[in-house]
Amino acid sequence: MAQNVGPILEMVTEKYLLRSEAEWNARQQALGILDEVLAGLRANDVQKIGAATSRNFHGPIQTIIPWASNYYTETLISRASKAFGKDFWGFWMLGGMSGGGMGFIVAPEKKQHAQTELQRVMSEAKHELESALPFAMEPVVYDFAINEKGTWADLLTGEKALLPQNYYALIVPQLLRSVHARTAAASSRRTRQVRRCQPQQI
């Protein structure tokens, strides 16, 4: 959704600096929930993680940031929960403002079905509400996976190292113009230097 997150950042900063009682207590609850998430990660218990992130979203996060949710988000959570039943393990908001990145956690064996169903649910809800909320694009389901290697790369050689032809069609003309400009500038400097070095005629 196309929204200005500036007011959200201002709200969070203000509540943190003022140490308002409700928000400060919510912050302490969130820290406790973080410990539960970390414990779930160590135990490889995704269902426990999903339960913790859901509780964090519906509790501390919305206490601190009321705009963390809206009707669209609540509709998606409700419909996903109804569609997957006991296989719906949890929800997490991947940003401070509703309508940005969202995560839906389901039982592993339901992953493929969930990706298709969530796309349908999100698109339907978007079309129902697009006259009331600022959607910037069609909702998209991303397929995330854990990267066990960290940052890494393959060294390719020969034809495998070439980029698509369209890339060269776009970049090579710019490179040639840049090389030509540098060559012309260098030639001009050499010409001026030669002229300065020539002996004056009497």
Protein backbone atom coordinates (compact mmCIF):
# COMPACT_ATOMS: atom_id res chain seq x y z
CA MET A 1 0.00 0.00 0.00
CA ALA A 2 1.19 3.52 -0.79
CA GLN A 3 1.43 5.26 2.55
CA ASN A 4 3.70 7.75 4.28
CA VAL A 5 5.48 5.95 7.12
CA GLY A 6 6.84 9.22 8.53
CA PRO A 7 3.97 9.66 11.03
CA ILE A 8 4.50 6.08 12.22
CA LEU A 9 8.18 6.70 12.92
CA GLU A 10 7.29 9.93 14.69
CA MET A 11 4.66 8.14 16.79
CA VAL A 12 7.05 5.38 17.83
CA THR A 13 9.79 7.85 18.73
CA GLU A 14 7.41 10.05 20.70
CA LYS A 15 6.00 7.18 22.72
CA TYR A 16 9.47 5.81 23.42
CA LEU A 17 10.79 9.18 24.60
CA LEU A 18 7.72 9.99 26.72
CA ARG A 19 7.71 6.54 28.36
CA SER A 20 3.90 6.49 28.36
CA GLU A 21 2.79 3.78 30.79
CA ALA A 22 0.72 1.61 28.43
CA GLU A 23 3.27 1.75 25.64
CA TRP A 24 6.20 1.18 27.98
CA ASN A 25 4.53 -1.88 29.47
CA ALA A 26 3.82 -3.12 25.94
CA ARG A 27 7.51 -2.69 25.11
CA GLN A 28 8.44 -4.89 28.07
CA GLN A 29 5.91 -7.49 26.94
CA ALA A 30 7.42 -7.42 23.45
CA LEU A 31 10.88 -8.08 24.89
CA GLY A 32 9.47 -11.12 26.69
CA ILE A 33 7.84 -12.32 23.46
CA LEU A 34 11.18 -11.91 21.69
CA ASP A 35 12.65 -14.38 24.16
CA GLU A 36 9.87 -16.82 23.21
CA VAL A 37 10.64 -16.36 19.51
CA LEU A 38 14.34 -17.01 20.12
CA ALA A 39 13.50 -20.09 22.17
CA GLY A 40 11.27 -21.32 19.34
CA LEU A 41 14.10 -20.82 16.86
CA ARG A 42 16.52 -22.76 19.03
CA ALA A 43 13.97 -25.56 19.41
CA ASN A 44 13.08 -25.50 15.69
CA ASP A 45 9.46 -25.03 16.78
CA VAL A 46 7.84 -22.93 14.05
CA GLN A 47 4.37 -23.30 15.54
CA LYS A 48 5.61 -21.73 18.77
CA ILE A 49 7.22 -18.90 16.81
CA GLY A 50 3.96 -18.25 14.95
CA ALA A 51 1.96 -18.13 18.16
CA ALA A 52 4.44 -15.67 19.67
CA THR A 53 4.55 -13.33 16.66
CA SER A 54 0.75 -13.33 16.46
CA ARG A 55 0.47 -12.40 20.12
CA ASN A 56 3.07 -9.69 19.61
CA PHE A 57 1.16 -8.19 16.69
CA HIS A 58 -2.26 -8.21 18.35
CA GLY A 59 -0.87 -7.04 21.69
CA PRO A 60 2.28 -4.95 22.16
CA ILE A 61 2.71 -3.75 18.58
CA GLN A 62 -0.83 -2.38 18.29
CA THR A 63 -0.58 -0.82 21.73
CA ILE A 64 2.54 1.06 20.67
CA ILE A 65 1.52 1.62 17.03
CA PRO A 66 -2.28 1.70 16.57
CA TRP A 67 -1.78 2.13 12.81
CA ALA A 68 0.05 -1.18 12.61
CA SER A 69 -3.24 -2.71 11.50
CA ASN A 70 -6.24 -1.74 9.40
CA TYR A 71 -9.34 -3.36 7.95
CA TYR A 72 -7.43 -4.90 5.06
CA THR A 73 -4.88 -6.56 7.34
CA GLU A 74 -7.52 -7.80 9.75
CA THR A 75 -9.54 -9.17 6.82
CA LEU A 76 -6.53 -11.12 5.54
CA ILE A 77 -5.78 -12.60 8.96
CA SER A 78 -9.41 -13.57 9.50
CA ARG A 79 -9.80 -15.20 6.09
CA ALA A 80 -6.45 -16.99 6.29
CA SER A 81 -7.32 -18.34 9.72
CA LYS A 82 -10.68 -19.55 8.45
CA ALA A 83 -9.19 -21.07 5.28
CA PHE A 84 -6.38 -23.01 6.97
CA GLY A 85 -7.91 -23.74 10.37
CA LYS A 86 -5.48 -25.57 12.67
CA ASP A 87 -2.82 -25.38 9.95
CA PHE A 88 -2.67 -21.59 10.32
CA TRP A 89 0.15 -21.13 12.82
CA GLY A 90 0.54 -17.39 13.02
CA PHE A 91 0.98 -13.94 11.56
CA TRP A 92 3.70 -11.32 11.72
CA MET A 93 3.92 -7.77 10.47
CA LEU A 94 7.18 -7.20 8.62
CA GLY A 95 7.06 -3.44 9.00
CA GLY A 96 5.70 -0.73 11.24
CA MET A 97 2.65 0.16 9.17
CA SER A 98 -0.25 -1.93 8.00
CA GLY A 99 -0.32 -2.95 4.36
CA GLY A 100 3.40 -3.41 3.85
CA GLY A 101 5.19 -6.71 4.30
CA MET A 102 3.20 -9.39 6.12
CA GLY A 103 4.04 -12.98 6.97
CA PHE A 104 1.55 -15.84 7.28
CA ILE A 105 2.89 -18.96 8.97
CA VAL A 106 1.25 -22.27 8.08
CA ALA A 107 2.01 -25.94 8.58
CA PRO A 108 4.88 -26.95 6.21
CA GLU A 109 2.79 -29.54 4.35
CA LYS A 110 0.28 -26.78 3.48
CA LYS A 111 2.84 -24.36 2.04
CA GLN A 112 2.04 -24.79 -1.67
CA HIS A 113 -1.70 -24.62 -1.08
CA ALA A 114 -1.26 -21.61 1.22
CA GLN A 115 0.71 -19.65 -1.39
CA THR A 116 -2.06 -20.08 -3.96
CA GLU A 117 -4.87 -19.46 -1.48
CA LEU A 118 -3.23 -16.38 0.07
CA GLN A 119 -2.78 -14.83 -3.36
CA ARG A 120 -6.49 -15.32 -4.00
CA VAL A 121 -7.46 -13.97 -0.57
CA MET A 122 -5.22 -10.90 -0.87
CA SER A 123 -6.34 -10.06 -4.39
CA GLU A 124 -10.02 -10.44 -3.53
CA ALA A 125 -9.68 -8.23 -0.46
CA LYS A 126 -7.72 -5.66 -2.44
CA HIS A 127 -10.40 -5.45 -5.14
CA GLU A 128 -13.09 -5.11 -2.47
CA LEU A 129 -11.26 -2.24 -0.75
CA GLU A 130 -9.28 -0.53 -3.53
CA SER A 131 -11.67 2.43 -3.55
CA ALA A 132 -11.14 2.97 0.17
CA LEU A 133 -7.42 2.23 0.71
CA PRO A 134 -4.30 3.41 -1.20
CA PHE A 135 -3.10 0.24 -2.93
CA ALA A 136 0.00 0.92 -5.02
CA MET A 137 0.16 -2.50 -6.68
CA GLU A 138 -1.43 -5.92 -6.85
CA PRO A 139 -0.58 -7.96 -3.72
CA VAL A 140 2.22 -10.47 -4.26
CA VAL A 141 3.07 -13.71 -2.44
CA TYR A 142 6.81 -14.13 -1.98
CA ASP A 143 8.48 -17.49 -1.45
CA PHE A 144 11.02 -17.14 1.36
CA ALA A 145 13.65 -19.69 2.31
CA ILE A 146 16.46 -19.80 4.86
CA ASN A 147 19.86 -19.10 3.34
CA GLU A 148 22.22 -21.57 5.01
CA LYS A 149 25.30 -20.23 3.16
CA GLY A 150 25.18 -16.53 3.92
CA THR A 151 26.63 -14.26 1.21
CA TRP A 152 28.18 -16.30 -1.59
CA ALA A 153 28.66 -16.33 -5.35
CA ASP A 154 29.65 -18.59 -8.26
CA LEU A 155 32.56 -17.62 -10.51
CA LEU A 156 31.40 -18.12 -14.09
CA THR A 157 33.68 -18.24 -17.12
CA GLY A 158 33.30 -18.17 -20.90
CA GLU A 159 29.83 -17.77 -22.34
CA LYS A 160 28.26 -18.54 -18.96
CA ALA A 161 29.78 -15.32 -17.64
CA LEU A 162 27.95 -13.19 -20.20
CA LEU A 163 24.95 -11.13 -19.21
CA PRO A 164 21.75 -11.02 -21.32
CA GLN A 165 22.08 -9.26 -24.70
CA ASN A 166 19.61 -6.57 -23.67
CA TYR A 167 22.00 -5.54 -20.91
CA TYR A 168 24.84 -4.93 -23.37
CA ALA A 169 22.51 -3.13 -25.77
CA LEU A 170 21.67 -0.74 -22.95
CA ILE A 171 25.10 -0.31 -21.37
CA VAL A 172 27.66 -0.54 -24.20
CA PRO A 173 26.60 2.69 -25.99
CA GLN A 174 26.97 4.58 -22.71
CA LEU A 175 30.41 3.06 -22.13
CA LEU A 176 31.55 3.96 -25.65
CA ARG A 177 30.37 7.56 -25.24
CA SER A 178 32.19 7.76 -21.92
CA VAL A 179 35.42 6.35 -23.40
CA HIS A 180 35.15 8.71 -26.38
CA ALA A 181 34.67 11.70 -24.09
CA ARG A 182 37.69 10.77 -21.96
CA THR A 183 39.84 10.17 -25.07
CA ALA A 184 38.83 13.51 -26.55
CA ALA A 185 39.58 15.30 -23.29
CA ALA A 186 43.01 13.65 -22.99
CA SER A 187 43.83 14.51 -26.62
CA SER A 188 42.83 18.12 -26.02
CA ARG A 189 45.09 18.33 -22.96
CA ARG A 190 48.05 16.89 -24.89
CA THR A 191 47.49 19.39 -27.72
CA ARG A 192 47.52 22.33 -25.29
CA GLN A 193 50.67 21.01 -23.60
CA VAL A 194 52.48 20.63 -26.96
CA ARG A 195 51.55 24.18 -27.95
CA ARG A 196 52.90 25.56 -24.68
CA CYS A 197 56.18 23.67 -25.16
CA GLN A 198 56.86 24.95 -28.71
CA PRO A 199 59.67 27.63 -28.86
CA GLN A 200 58.52 31.10 -29.79
CA GLN A 201 59.60 32.34 -33.19
CA ILE A 202 61.50 35.61 -33.42
